[in-house]
C-alpha cells in the first residue's frame, strides 16, 4: 500500500556546497595532481584552482553537496514540496543565499546552520573526456563548522523527532560524527530507517574510525564499485568480488536487529546494480545512455539515491526503488551538473 506523502518524511545531513562546474582537460588535472574520475577534499595545493577555473573557463554555478543533491532529485520526482529536510553549515554570504534559494525552489526544506567564521563551501567539478569523467575537489570551508548543537534548534529538533527516514552522505563523516551518531540513535530508538552512503574511496580509508562507529546504525548502505573495493580492502575482506563484498557488508555488526541491513552497490553505466539482502544478491540491469547523450556524470550517484528515496518514502518495494534510482541517474547524466527540468516521467 502506497504511503501518503507528508512534509519532513526524510531528514538529510551533509555538506552544502556550491558546485563550480567547468569543462577542462587532462593537462589541467595533472597540474593540480587530480585524477579524472575521483572525489577528494581540497588541500593547500588545490586552492588556486578555484580562481583559475572561474577566470579562465566557462563555469556554471549549481547548488550542490552530495546529500542536498540526492534530496533535490527526490523532490523533483515526488513533485510535492518539503517532503525532505536538510541540515548542514554555510557561511553568511552570497553563495549561501544562492544555495538556499535554489534548494528551496527545488522543494527541499533547508535548515542551514550559519557561521561567520568561513565562507560557504565550494566544489570544483572538472569535466573531461566529453563528459564521461568528472573530478570533484571540495573545499568544505563553512561546511566544516557544523556543530551538533544545531540539532537542538526547535525547528530542527521537531524535524528529527517526526521524520520517517534519515540519510547522511559519507562525506559528513569528515565534519561531525557526533551529529550522525545522535541522529542515528534517535532513528534506532524510533525504529526508523537510517541510510548512509560510502560516498568516496578515501572515506573508508582515512575516516575508517568514524565510518565504523556509524556503521552499526546503518539499515541501508549505498556505494559504488570503487568505494566498495576500498572499504573491503580496509576491512580485510580478502576479496575483490563485489557480490561477496556486498554480502559481507550486510553482516557487519548492527544495532537494530529488527531490520537486517541491505547494501546497494552501483557499477557504472554498463554493469548491473547489486542488491544484497537476506543473504542473497539480486542484480538489476542498467540500460546504458548512448555516449553521445552523456553530458556530465557528476551527480549520477546522488541522483540514484534520490530516485531510490523518492519511491522508498512512498513505501514501494526495493526493486522499484532501485529501478527509479537507475532511471534518475540516466536523466542527470544527460545534463550539466545535478540538474533537471520538466515533469519526471518515471514509470514501470
C-alpha atoms as a PDB file:
ATOM      1  CA  UNK A   1       0.000   0.000   0.000  1.00  0.00           C
ATOM      2  CA  UNK A   2       1.418   3.372  -1.051  1.00  0.00           C
ATOM      3  CA  UNK A   3       2.110   5.797   1.787  1.00  0.00           C
ATOM      4  CA  UNK A   4       0.586   9.275   1.665  1.00  0.00           C
ATOM      5  CA  UNK A   5       3.403  11.804   1.399  1.00  0.00           C
ATOM      6  CA  UNK A   6       3.822  14.267   4.252  1.00  0.00           C
ATOM      7  CA  UNK A   7       6.234  17.092   4.979  1.00  0.00           C
ATOM      8  CA  UNK A   8       9.519  16.185   6.635  1.00  0.00           C
ATOM      9  CA  UNK A   9       9.323  12.441   5.978  1.00  0.00           C
ATOM     10  CA  UNK A  10      13.027  12.291   5.183  1.00  0.00           C
ATOM     11  CA  UNK A  11      15.710  14.076   7.178  1.00  0.00           C
ATOM     12  CA  UNK A  12      19.099  14.514   5.483  1.00  0.00           C
ATOM     13  CA  UNK A  13      22.519  15.627   6.743  1.00  0.00           C
ATOM     14  CA  UNK A  14      25.557  16.659   4.744  1.00  0.00           C
ATOM     15  CA  UNK A  15      27.914  19.322   3.453  1.00  0.00           C
ATOM     16  CA  UNK A  16      26.131  22.036   1.443  1.00  0.00           C
ATOM     17  CA  UNK A  17      28.441  23.144  -1.359  1.00  0.00           C
ATOM     18  CA  UNK A  18      28.142  25.438  -4.326  1.00  0.00           C
ATOM     19  CA  UNK A  19      29.384  23.471  -7.325  1.00  0.00           C
ATOM     20  CA  UNK A  20      31.619  25.381  -9.723  1.00  0.00           C
ATOM     21  CA  UNK A  21      31.489  23.281 -12.848  1.00  0.00           C
ATOM     22  CA  UNK A  22      33.781  23.594 -15.870  1.00  0.00           C
ATOM     23  CA  UNK A  23      34.893  21.542 -18.863  1.00  0.00           C
ATOM     24  CA  UNK A  24      38.675  21.182 -18.580  1.00  0.00           C
ATOM     25  CA  UNK A  25      41.316  18.739 -19.842  1.00  0.00           C
ATOM     26  CA  UNK A  26      43.846  16.188 -18.599  1.00  0.00           C
ATOM     27  CA  UNK A  27      46.598  18.789 -18.545  1.00  0.00           C
ATOM     28  CA  UNK A  28      44.644  20.897 -16.053  1.00  0.00           C
ATOM     29  CA  UNK A  29      44.024  17.854 -13.832  1.00  0.00           C
ATOM     30  CA  UNK A  30      47.716  16.957 -13.885  1.00  0.00           C
ATOM     31  CA  UNK A  31      48.632  20.498 -12.917  1.00  0.00           C
ATOM     32  CA  UNK A  32      46.720  20.058  -9.658  1.00  0.00           C
ATOM     33  CA  UNK A  33      47.550  16.371  -9.159  1.00  0.00           C
ATOM     34  CA  UNK A  34      43.939  15.271  -9.732  1.00  0.00           C
ATOM     35  CA  UNK A  35      42.557  12.067 -11.224  1.00  0.00           C
ATOM     36  CA  UNK A  36      39.852  12.149 -13.921  1.00  0.00           C
ATOM     37  CA  UNK A  37      37.152  10.215 -12.026  1.00  0.00           C
ATOM     38  CA  UNK A  38      37.656  10.888  -8.346  1.00  0.00           C
ATOM     39  CA  UNK A  39      36.378  12.834  -5.358  1.00  0.00           C
ATOM     40  CA  UNK A  40      38.764  14.417  -2.869  1.00  0.00           C
ATOM     41  CA  UNK A  41      38.958  17.132  -0.236  1.00  0.00           C
ATOM     42  CA  UNK A  42      40.983  20.154  -1.285  1.00  0.00           C
ATOM     43  CA  UNK A  43      44.450  20.643   0.167  1.00  0.00           C
ATOM     44  CA  UNK A  44      46.512  23.836   0.154  1.00  0.00           C
ATOM     45  CA  UNK A  45      47.920  22.969  -3.283  1.00  0.00           C
ATOM     46  CA  UNK A  46      44.398  22.915  -4.758  1.00  0.00           C
ATOM     47  CA  UNK A  47      43.212  26.315  -3.543  1.00  0.00           C
ATOM     48  CA  UNK A  48      44.379  28.320  -6.600  1.00  0.00           C
ATOM     49  CA  UNK A  49      42.370  26.122  -8.982  1.00  0.00           C
ATOM     50  CA  UNK A  50      39.021  27.690  -7.968  1.00  0.00           C
ATOM     51  CA  UNK A  51      40.165  31.157  -9.009  1.00  0.00           C
ATOM     52  CA  UNK A  52      41.788  29.753 -12.150  1.00  0.00           C
ATOM     53  CA  UNK A  53      38.687  27.991 -13.460  1.00  0.00           C
ATOM     54  CA  UNK A  54      36.456  30.986 -12.693  1.00  0.00           C
ATOM     55  CA  UNK A  55      38.810  33.318 -14.577  1.00  0.00           C
ATOM     56  CA  UNK A  56      39.802  31.061 -17.480  1.00  0.00           C
ATOM     57  CA  UNK A  57      36.896  28.701 -18.115  1.00  0.00           C
ATOM     58  CA  UNK A  58      33.192  28.945 -18.800  1.00  0.00           C
ATOM     59  CA  UNK A  59      31.890  27.971 -15.365  1.00  0.00           C
ATOM     60  CA  UNK A  60      28.404  27.105 -14.197  1.00  0.00           C
ATOM     61  CA  UNK A  61      27.247  27.529 -10.590  1.00  0.00           C
ATOM     62  CA  UNK A  62      24.974  24.756  -9.316  1.00  0.00           C
ATOM     63  CA  UNK A  63      23.566  24.053  -5.847  1.00  0.00           C
ATOM     64  CA  UNK A  64      25.481  21.008  -4.697  1.00  0.00           C
ATOM     65  CA  UNK A  65      26.720  18.802  -1.925  1.00  0.00           C
ATOM     66  CA  UNK A  66      26.000  15.076  -2.082  1.00  0.00           C
ATOM     67  CA  UNK A  67      23.073  14.806   0.351  1.00  0.00           C
ATOM     68  CA  UNK A  68      21.463  18.010  -0.841  1.00  0.00           C
ATOM     69  CA  UNK A  69      21.679  16.769  -4.451  1.00  0.00           C
ATOM     70  CA  UNK A  70      20.004  13.473  -3.568  1.00  0.00           C
ATOM     71  CA  UNK A  71      17.162  15.297  -1.810  1.00  0.00           C
ATOM     72  CA  UNK A  72      16.712  17.734  -4.701  1.00  0.00           C
ATOM     73  CA  UNK A  73      16.331  14.828  -7.146  1.00  0.00           C
ATOM     74  CA  UNK A  74      13.883  13.067  -4.811  1.00  0.00           C
ATOM     75  CA  UNK A  75      11.815  16.253  -4.571  1.00  0.00           C
ATOM     76  CA  UNK A  76      11.738  16.619  -8.355  1.00  0.00           C
ATOM     77  CA  UNK A  77      10.392  13.100  -8.763  1.00  0.00           C
ATOM     78  CA  UNK A  78       7.890  13.428  -5.909  1.00  0.00           C
ATOM     79  CA  UNK A  79       6.534  16.816  -7.073  1.00  0.00           C
ATOM     80  CA  UNK A  80       5.495  17.727  -3.521  1.00  0.00           C
ATOM     81  CA  UNK A  81       7.443  20.371  -1.620  1.00  0.00           C
ATOM     82  CA  UNK A  82       9.186  19.789   1.721  1.00  0.00           C
ATOM     83  CA  UNK A  83       8.898  16.007   1.844  1.00  0.00           C
ATOM     84  CA  UNK A  84      12.626  16.209   2.596  1.00  0.00           C
ATOM     85  CA  UNK A  85      14.533  18.406   5.037  1.00  0.00           C
ATOM     86  CA  UNK A  86      18.259  19.104   5.117  1.00  0.00           C
ATOM     87  CA  UNK A  87      20.851  20.408   7.563  1.00  0.00           C
ATOM     88  CA  UNK A  88      24.446  21.494   7.017  1.00  0.00           C
ATOM     89  CA  UNK A  89      26.633  24.523   7.657  1.00  0.00           C
ATOM     90  CA  UNK A  90      27.097  27.509   5.329  1.00  0.00           C
ATOM     91  CA  UNK A  91      28.647  30.966   5.511  1.00  0.00           C
ATOM     92  CA  UNK A  92      26.815  34.266   5.692  1.00  0.00           C
ATOM     93  CA  UNK A  93      27.474  35.237   2.090  1.00  0.00           C
ATOM     94  CA  UNK A  94      26.088  35.379  -1.437  1.00  0.00           C
ATOM     95  CA  UNK A  95      26.936  31.735  -2.091  1.00  0.00           C
ATOM     96  CA  UNK A  96      24.710  30.566   0.760  1.00  0.00           C
ATOM     97  CA  UNK A  97      21.855  32.758  -0.471  1.00  0.00           C
ATOM     98  CA  UNK A  98      22.187  31.158  -3.917  1.00  0.00           C
ATOM     99  CA  UNK A  99      22.273  27.706  -2.334  1.00  0.00           C
ATOM    100  CA  UNK A 100      19.231  28.254  -0.139  1.00  0.00           C
ATOM    101  CA  UNK A 101      17.175  29.810  -2.931  1.00  0.00           C
ATOM    102  CA  UNK A 102      17.976  27.001  -5.360  1.00  0.00           C
ATOM    103  CA  UNK A 103      17.355  24.240  -2.808  1.00  0.00           C
ATOM    104  CA  UNK A 104      14.037  25.749  -1.704  1.00  0.00           C
ATOM    105  CA  UNK A 105      12.994  26.239  -5.339  1.00  0.00           C
ATOM    106  CA  UNK A 106      13.587  22.512  -5.772  1.00  0.00           C
ATOM    107  CA  UNK A 107      11.356  21.763  -2.790  1.00  0.00           C
ATOM    108  CA  UNK A 108      13.914  20.935  -0.071  1.00  0.00           C
ATOM    109  CA  UNK A 109      13.240  22.367   3.390  1.00  0.00           C
ATOM    110  CA  UNK A 110      16.779  23.575   4.170  1.00  0.00           C
ATOM    111  CA  UNK A 111      17.630  24.431   7.765  1.00  0.00           C
ATOM    112  CA  UNK A 112      21.220  25.562   7.466  1.00  0.00           C
ATOM    113  CA  UNK A 113      23.468  26.426  10.344  1.00  0.00           C
ATOM    114  CA  UNK A 114      25.138  29.762   9.564  1.00  0.00           C
ATOM    115  CA  UNK A 115      28.688  30.643  10.531  1.00  0.00           C
ATOM    116  CA  UNK A 116      30.588  33.917  10.238  1.00  0.00           C
ATOM    117  CA  UNK A 117      33.920  32.096  10.539  1.00  0.00           C
ATOM    118  CA  UNK A 118      34.277  30.902   6.944  1.00  0.00           C
ATOM    119  CA  UNK A 119      32.705  31.315   3.523  1.00  0.00           C
ATOM    120  CA  UNK A 120      30.241  28.818   2.070  1.00  0.00           C
ATOM    121  CA  UNK A 121      31.905  25.661   0.818  1.00  0.00           C
ATOM    122  CA  UNK A 122      32.553  25.093  -2.869  1.00  0.00           C
ATOM    123  CA  UNK A 123      33.266  22.088  -5.041  1.00  0.00           C
ATOM    124  CA  UNK A 124      35.214  22.270  -8.277  1.00  0.00           C
ATOM    125  CA  UNK A 125      33.606  19.911 -10.789  1.00  0.00           C
ATOM    126  CA  UNK A 126      36.180  19.341 -13.514  1.00  0.00           C
ATOM    127  CA  UNK A 127      34.665  17.600 -16.517  1.00  0.00           C
ATOM    128  CA  UNK A 128      36.871  15.793 -19.028  1.00  0.00           C
ATOM    129  CA  UNK A 129      36.624  13.201 -21.812  1.00  0.00           C
ATOM    130  CA  UNK A 130      33.464  14.711 -23.328  1.00  0.00           C
ATOM    131  CA  UNK A 131      31.569  14.465 -20.075  1.00  0.00           C
ATOM    132  CA  UNK A 132      32.448  10.840 -19.307  1.00  0.00           C
ATOM    133  CA  UNK A 133      34.682  11.752 -16.335  1.00  0.00           C
ATOM    134  CA  UNK A 134      34.368  14.242 -13.534  1.00  0.00           C
ATOM    135  CA  UNK A 135      36.931  15.082 -10.883  1.00  0.00           C
ATOM    136  CA  UNK A 136      35.490  16.607  -7.725  1.00  0.00           C
ATOM    137  CA  UNK A 137      37.666  18.743  -5.471  1.00  0.00           C
ATOM    138  CA  UNK A 138      35.714  20.014  -2.474  1.00  0.00           C
ATOM    139  CA  UNK A 139      36.744  22.961  -0.323  1.00  0.00           C
ATOM    140  CA  UNK A 140      34.400  22.376   2.606  1.00  0.00           C
ATOM    141  CA  UNK A 141      35.096  25.749   4.246  1.00  0.00           C
ATOM    142  CA  UNK A 142      31.947  26.663   6.233  1.00  0.00           C
ATOM    143  CA  UNK A 143      30.603  23.102   5.937  1.00  0.00           C
ATOM    144  CA  UNK A 144      33.371  22.035   8.347  1.00  0.00           C
ATOM    145  CA  UNK A 145      31.999  24.390  11.000  1.00  0.00           C
ATOM    146  CA  UNK A 146      28.832  22.383  11.660  1.00  0.00           C
ATOM    147  CA  UNK A 147      28.313  21.655  15.361  1.00  0.00           C
ATOM    148  CA  UNK A 148      25.960  19.148  16.919  1.00  0.00           C
ATOM    149  CA  UNK A 149      24.148  21.825  18.967  1.00  0.00           C
ATOM    150  CA  UNK A 150      22.221  22.744  15.794  1.00  0.00           C
ATOM    151  CA  UNK A 151      20.109  19.644  16.428  1.00  0.00           C
ATOM    152  CA  UNK A 152      18.599  21.432  19.448  1.00  0.00           C
ATOM    153  CA  UNK A 153      17.222  24.311  17.352  1.00  0.00           C
ATOM    154  CA  UNK A 154      13.429  23.990  17.803  1.00  0.00           C
ATOM    155  CA  UNK A 155      12.621  23.696  14.080  1.00  0.00           C
ATOM    156  CA  UNK A 156      15.423  21.143  13.524  1.00  0.00           C
ATOM    157  CA  UNK A 157      14.563  19.149  16.639  1.00  0.00           C
ATOM    158  CA  UNK A 158      10.954  18.886  15.508  1.00  0.00           C
ATOM    159  CA  UNK A 159      12.035  17.627  12.076  1.00  0.00           C
ATOM    160  CA  UNK A 160      14.265  14.939  13.609  1.00  0.00           C
ATOM    161  CA  UNK A 161      11.569  13.789  16.018  1.00  0.00           C
ATOM    162  CA  UNK A 162       8.963  13.357  13.271  1.00  0.00           C
ATOM    163  CA  UNK A 163      10.986  12.011  10.330  1.00  0.00           C
ATOM    164  CA  UNK A 164      10.286   8.528   8.995  1.00  0.00           C
ATOM    165  CA  UNK A 165      13.645   8.131   7.200  1.00  0.00           C
ATOM    166  CA  UNK A 166      17.144   9.504   7.793  1.00  0.00           C
ATOM    167  CA  UNK A 167      20.022   9.839   5.334  1.00  0.00           C
ATOM    168  CA  UNK A 168      23.630  11.010   5.521  1.00  0.00           C
ATOM    169  CA  UNK A 169      26.332  11.072   2.885  1.00  0.00           C
ATOM    170  CA  UNK A 170      29.637   9.548   3.920  1.00  0.00           C
ATOM    171  CA  UNK A 171      31.203  12.968   3.342  1.00  0.00           C
ATOM    172  CA  UNK A 172      29.534  14.220   6.534  1.00  0.00           C
ATOM    173  CA  UNK A 173      31.745  11.787   8.496  1.00  0.00           C
ATOM    174  CA  UNK A 174      34.605  14.238   7.877  1.00  0.00           C
ATOM    175  CA  UNK A 175      32.697  17.002   9.661  1.00  0.00           C
ATOM    176  CA  UNK A 176      30.514  15.743  12.523  1.00  0.00           C
ATOM    177  CA  UNK A 177      30.399  12.096  13.520  1.00  0.00           C
ATOM    178  CA  UNK A 178      28.685  13.269  16.734  1.00  0.00           C
ATOM    179  CA  UNK A 179      25.743  14.609  14.708  1.00  0.00           C
ATOM    180  CA  UNK A 180      25.470  11.424  12.660  1.00  0.00           C
ATOM    181  CA  UNK A 181      25.508   9.264  15.804  1.00  0.00           C
ATOM    182  CA  UNK A 182      22.938  11.382  17.640  1.00  0.00           C
ATOM    183  CA  UNK A 183      20.501  11.272  14.730  1.00  0.00           C
ATOM    184  CA  UNK A 184      21.210   7.556  14.124  1.00  0.00           C
ATOM    185  CA  UNK A 185      20.462   6.769  17.764  1.00  0.00           C
ATOM    186  CA  UNK A 186      17.139   8.615  17.505  1.00  0.00           C
ATOM    187  CA  UNK A 187      16.334   6.581  14.389  1.00  0.00           C
ATOM    188  CA  UNK A 188      17.157   3.405  16.329  1.00  0.00           C
ATOM    189  CA  UNK A 189      15.011   4.390  19.303  1.00  0.00           C
ATOM    190  CA  UNK A 190      12.105   5.164  16.980  1.00  0.00           C
ATOM    191  CA  UNK A 191      12.715   2.056  14.822  1.00  0.00           C
ATOM    192  CA  UNK A 192      13.031   4.210  11.696  1.00  0.00           C
ATOM    193  CA  UNK A 193      15.318   3.648   8.697  1.00  0.00           C
ATOM    194  CA  UNK A 194      18.804   5.146   8.800  1.00  0.00           C
ATOM    195  CA  UNK A 195      20.722   5.266   5.498  1.00  0.00           C
ATOM    196  CA  UNK A 196      24.289   6.173   4.653  1.00  0.00           C
ATOM    197  CA  UNK A 197      26.492   6.354   1.569  1.00  0.00           C
ATOM    198  CA  UNK A 198      30.150   5.313   1.272  1.00  0.00           C
ATOM    199  CA  UNK A 199      30.444   8.402  -0.972  1.00  0.00           C
ATOM    200  CA  UNK A 200      34.150   8.276  -1.962  1.00  0.00           C
ATOM    201  CA  UNK A 201      37.038   5.777  -1.898  1.00  0.00           C
ATOM    202  CA  UNK A 202      39.116   7.870   0.527  1.00  0.00           C
ATOM    203  CA  UNK A 203      36.477   7.771   3.264  1.00  0.00           C
ATOM    204  CA  UNK A 204      36.701   4.056   4.247  1.00  0.00           C
ATOM    205  CA  UNK A 205      40.487   4.541   4.455  1.00  0.00           C
ATOM    206  CA  UNK A 206      41.121   7.919   6.080  1.00  0.00           C
ATOM    207  CA  UNK A 207      37.845   8.124   8.025  1.00  0.00           C
ATOM    208  CA  UNK A 208      37.650   4.439   8.867  1.00  0.00           C
ATOM    209  CA  UNK A 209      37.137   5.000  12.602  1.00  0.00           C
ATOM    210  CA  UNK A 210      34.235   7.401  12.076  1.00  0.00           C
ATOM    211  CA  UNK A 211      32.640   5.193   9.421  1.00  0.00           C
ATOM    212  CA  UNK A 212      32.787   2.092  11.599  1.00  0.00           C
ATOM    213  CA  UNK A 213      31.264   3.969  14.535  1.00  0.00           C
ATOM    214  CA  UNK A 214      28.289   4.876  12.344  1.00  0.00           C
ATOM    215  CA  UNK A 215      28.003   1.518  10.553  1.00  0.00           C
ATOM    216  CA  UNK A 216      26.115  -0.381  13.304  1.00  0.00           C
ATOM    217  CA  UNK A 217      23.207   2.043  12.845  1.00  0.00           C
ATOM    218  CA  UNK A 218      23.071   1.803   9.049  1.00  0.00           C
ATOM    219  CA  UNK A 219      19.983  -0.008   7.734  1.00  0.00           C
ATOM    220  CA  UNK A 220      20.636   0.749   4.047  1.00  0.00           C
ATOM    221  CA  UNK A 221      24.159   1.323   2.746  1.00  0.00           C
ATOM    222  CA  UNK A 222      24.805   2.773  -0.716  1.00  0.00           C
ATOM    223  CA  UNK A 223      28.077   2.779  -2.632  1.00  0.00           C
ATOM    224  CA  UNK A 224      29.738   2.259  -5.976  1.00  0.00           C
ATOM    225  CA  UNK A 225      32.303  -0.319  -7.050  1.00  0.00           C
ATOM    226  CA  UNK A 226      35.439   1.731  -6.313  1.00  0.00           C
ATOM    227  CA  UNK A 227      34.165   2.743  -2.869  1.00  0.00           C
ATOM    228  CA  UNK A 228      33.198  -0.856  -2.051  1.00  0.00           C
ATOM    229  CA  UNK A 229      36.625  -2.157  -3.101  1.00  0.00           C
ATOM    230  CA  UNK A 230      38.362   0.446  -0.921  1.00  0.00           C
ATOM    231  CA  UNK A 231      36.111  -0.486   2.010  1.00  0.00           C
ATOM    232  CA  UNK A 232      36.722  -4.223   1.538  1.00  0.00           C
ATOM    233  CA  UNK A 233      40.489  -3.768   1.425  1.00  0.00           C
ATOM    234  CA  UNK A 234      40.465  -1.680   4.605  1.00  0.00           C
ATOM    235  CA  UNK A 235      38.237  -4.213   6.378  1.00  0.00           C
ATOM    236  CA  UNK A 236      40.421  -7.154   5.295  1.00  0.00           C
ATOM    237  CA  UNK A 237      37.610  -8.895   3.432  1.00  0.00           C
ATOM    238  CA  UNK A 238      40.306 -10.602   1.321  1.00  0.00           C
ATOM    239  CA  UNK A 239      38.246 -10.453  -1.859  1.00  0.00           C
ATOM    240  CA  UNK A 240      37.591  -8.144  -4.795  1.00  0.00           C
ATOM    241  CA  UNK A 241      34.367  -9.878  -5.773  1.00  0.00           C
ATOM    242  CA  UNK A 242      31.639  -7.259  -5.363  1.00  0.00           C
ATOM    243  CA  UNK A 243      28.856  -9.732  -4.643  1.00  0.00           C
ATOM    244  CA  UNK A 244      30.893 -11.223  -1.788  1.00  0.00           C
ATOM    245  CA  UNK A 245      31.808  -7.748  -0.523  1.00  0.00           C
ATOM    246  CA  UNK A 246      28.145  -6.643  -0.529  1.00  0.00           C
ATOM    247  CA  UNK A 247      27.088  -9.726   1.435  1.00  0.00           C
ATOM    248  CA  UNK A 248      29.913  -9.263   3.942  1.00  0.00           C
ATOM    249  CA  UNK A 249      28.822  -5.652   4.431  1.00  0.00           C
ATOM    250  CA  UNK A 250      25.308  -6.789   5.349  1.00  0.00           C
ATOM    251  CA  UNK A 251      26.768  -8.985   8.095  1.00  0.00           C
ATOM    252  CA  UNK A 252      28.784  -6.300   9.887  1.00  0.00           C
ATOM    253  CA  UNK A 253      27.591  -5.673  13.481  1.00  0.00           C
ATOM    254  CA  UNK A 254      24.196  -3.974  13.644  1.00  0.00           C
ATOM    255  CA  UNK A 255      22.210  -2.311  16.422  1.00  0.00           C
ATOM    256  CA  UNK A 256      18.649  -2.730  15.138  1.00  0.00           C
ATOM    257  CA  UNK A 257      18.127  -6.492  14.872  1.00  0.00           C
ATOM    258  CA  UNK A 258      14.579  -5.928  13.616  1.00  0.00           C
ATOM    259  CA  UNK A 259      15.976  -4.577  10.326  1.00  0.00           C
ATOM    260  CA  UNK A 260      18.633  -6.696   8.591  1.00  0.00           C
ATOM    261  CA  UNK A 261      20.997  -4.378   6.737  1.00  0.00           C
ATOM    262  CA  UNK A 262      20.714  -4.143   2.977  1.00  0.00           C
ATOM    263  CA  UNK A 263      23.552  -2.999   0.730  1.00  0.00           C
ATOM    264  CA  UNK A 264      23.138  -1.450  -2.718  1.00  0.00           C
ATOM    265  CA  UNK A 265      26.175  -1.124  -4.982  1.00  0.00           C
ATOM    266  CA  UNK A 266      26.193   0.595  -8.360  1.00  0.00           C
ATOM    267  CA  UNK A 267      28.774  -0.313 -11.014  1.00  0.00           C
ATOM    268  CA  UNK A 268      28.640   2.478 -13.562  1.00  0.00           C
ATOM    269  CA  UNK A 269      26.718   2.582 -16.803  1.00  0.00           C
ATOM    270  CA  UNK A 270      27.313  -0.931 -18.127  1.00  0.00           C
ATOM    271  CA  UNK A 271      27.135  -3.349 -15.190  1.00  0.00           C
ATOM    272  CA  UNK A 272      24.100  -4.165 -13.024  1.00  0.00           C
ATOM    273  CA  UNK A 273      23.195  -2.621  -9.695  1.00  0.00           C
ATOM    274  CA  UNK A 274      23.650  -5.143  -6.882  1.00  0.00           C
ATOM    275  CA  UNK A 275      21.181  -5.538  -4.033  1.00  0.00           C
ATOM    276  CA  UNK A 276      22.426  -7.601  -1.086  1.00  0.00           C
ATOM    277  CA  UNK A 277      19.534  -8.608   1.150  1.00  0.00           C
ATOM    278  CA  UNK A 278      18.829 -11.576   3.420  1.00  0.00           C
ATOM    279  CA  UNK A 279      21.973 -13.390   2.309  1.00  0.00           C
ATOM    280  CA  UNK A 280      21.125 -13.126  -1.384  1.00  0.00           C
ATOM    281  CA  UNK A 281      22.258 -10.949  -4.282  1.00  0.00           C
ATOM    282  CA  UNK A 282      19.808  -9.575  -6.832  1.00  0.00           C
ATOM    283  CA  UNK A 283      21.075  -7.865  -9.985  1.00  0.00           C
ATOM    284  CA  UNK A 284      19.274  -5.001 -11.710  1.00  0.00           C
ATOM    285  CA  UNK A 285      20.356  -4.299 -15.293  1.00  0.00           C
ATOM    286  CA  UNK A 286      21.310  -0.772 -16.276  1.00  0.00           C
ATOM    287  CA  UNK A 287      20.305   0.500 -19.687  1.00  0.00           C
ATOM    288  CA  UNK A 288      23.327   2.412 -20.922  1.00  0.00           C
ATOM    289  CA  UNK A 289      22.795   6.006 -22.005  1.00  0.00           C
ATOM    290  CA  UNK A 290      24.241   6.402 -25.526  1.00  0.00           C
ATOM    291  CA  UNK A 291      27.707   8.019 -25.221  1.00  0.00           C
ATOM    292  CA  UNK A 292      26.698  10.919 -27.450  1.00  0.00           C
ATOM    293  CA  UNK A 293      23.926  11.797 -24.973  1.00  0.00           C
ATOM    294  CA  UNK A 294      26.184  11.817 -21.898  1.00  0.00           C
ATOM    295  CA  UNK A 295      26.887  15.415 -20.922  1.00  0.00           C
ATOM    296  CA  UNK A 296      28.232  15.119 -17.366  1.00  0.00           C
ATOM    297  CA  UNK A 297      28.416  12.162 -14.975  1.00  0.00           C
ATOM    298  CA  UNK A 298      28.651  14.457 -11.951  1.00  0.00           C
ATOM    299  CA  UNK A 299      25.751  13.731  -9.628  1.00  0.00           C
ATOM    300  CA  UNK A 300      24.837  10.333 -11.092  1.00  0.00           C
ATOM    301  CA  UNK A 301      25.362   8.579  -7.757  1.00  0.00           C
ATOM    302  CA  UNK A 302      23.421  11.235  -5.852  1.00  0.00           C
ATOM    303  CA  UNK A 303      20.637  11.030  -8.445  1.00  0.00           C
ATOM    304  CA  UNK A 304      20.474   7.262  -7.981  1.00  0.00           C
ATOM    305  CA  UNK A 305      19.968   7.749  -4.234  1.00  0.00           C
ATOM    306  CA  UNK A 306      17.402  10.491  -4.883  1.00  0.00           C
ATOM    307  CA  UNK A 307      15.429   8.235  -7.206  1.00  0.00           C
ATOM    308  CA  UNK A 308      15.611   5.385  -4.709  1.00  0.00           C
ATOM    309  CA  UNK A 309      14.467   7.582  -1.822  1.00  0.00           C
ATOM    310  CA  UNK A 310      11.571   9.028  -3.839  1.00  0.00           C
ATOM    311  CA  UNK A 311       9.995   5.583  -4.001  1.00  0.00           C
ATOM    312  CA  UNK A 312      11.096   4.431  -0.537  1.00  0.00           C
ATOM    313  CA  UNK A 313       9.126   7.210   1.178  1.00  0.00           C
ATOM    314  CA  UNK A 314       6.085   6.009  -0.780  1.00  0.00           C
ATOM    315  CA  UNK A 315       6.557   2.521   0.692  1.00  0.00           C
ATOM    316  CA  UNK A 316       7.443   0.976  -2.663  1.00  0.00           C
ATOM    317  CA  UNK A 317       9.394  -2.325  -2.700  1.00  0.00           C
ATOM    318  CA  UNK A 318      13.154  -2.191  -3.098  1.00  0.00           C
ATOM    319  CA  UNK A 319      13.117  -3.362  -6.707  1.00  0.00           C
ATOM    320  CA  UNK A 320      11.014  -0.346  -7.712  1.00  0.00           C
ATOM    321  CA  UNK A 321      13.213   1.967  -5.611  1.00  0.00           C
ATOM    322  CA  UNK A 322      16.313   0.698  -7.444  1.00  0.00           C
ATOM    323  CA  UNK A 323      14.699   0.949 -10.869  1.00  0.00           C
ATOM    324  CA  UNK A 324      13.770   4.561 -10.141  1.00  0.00           C
ATOM    325  CA  UNK A 325      17.331   5.204  -8.983  1.00  0.00           C
ATOM    326  CA  UNK A 326      18.676   3.840 -12.266  1.00  0.00           C
ATOM    327  CA  UNK A 327      16.186   5.974 -14.202  1.00  0.00           C
ATOM    328  CA  UNK A 328      17.073   9.130 -12.246  1.00  0.00           C
ATOM    329  CA  UNK A 329      20.818   8.658 -12.773  1.00  0.00           C
ATOM    330  CA  UNK A 330      20.232   8.235 -16.515  1.00  0.00           C
ATOM    331  CA  UNK A 331      18.349  11.553 -16.617  1.00  0.00           C
ATOM    332  CA  UNK A 332      21.002  13.501 -14.716  1.00  0.00           C
ATOM    333  CA  UNK A 333      23.994  12.374 -16.823  1.00  0.00           C
ATOM    334  CA  UNK A 334      22.296  13.879 -19.870  1.00  0.00           C
ATOM    335  CA  UNK A 335      22.513  17.349 -18.325  1.00  0.00           C
ATOM    336  CA  UNK A 336      25.261  19.563 -16.958  1.00  0.00           C
ATOM    337  CA  UNK A 337      25.608  19.124 -13.198  1.00  0.00           C
ATOM    338  CA  UNK A 338      22.991  17.605 -10.943  1.00  0.00           C
ATOM    339  CA  UNK A 339      20.123  19.427 -12.653  1.00  0.00           C
ATOM    340  CA  UNK A 340      16.730  18.554 -14.089  1.00  0.00           C
ATOM    341  CA  UNK A 341      13.763  20.197 -15.750  1.00  0.00           C
ATOM    342  CA  UNK A 342      10.162  19.495 -16.642  1.00  0.00           C
ATOM    343  CA  UNK A 343       7.970  16.823 -15.129  1.00  0.00           C
ATOM    344  CA  UNK A 344       9.590  13.491 -14.230  1.00  0.00           C
ATOM    345  CA  UNK A 345       8.490  10.611 -16.462  1.00  0.00           C
ATOM    346  CA  UNK A 346       9.486   7.582 -14.382  1.00  0.00           C
ATOM    347  CA  UNK A 347       7.159   4.648 -14.853  1.00  0.00           C
ATOM    348  CA  UNK A 348       7.464   0.879 -14.506  1.00  0.00           C
END
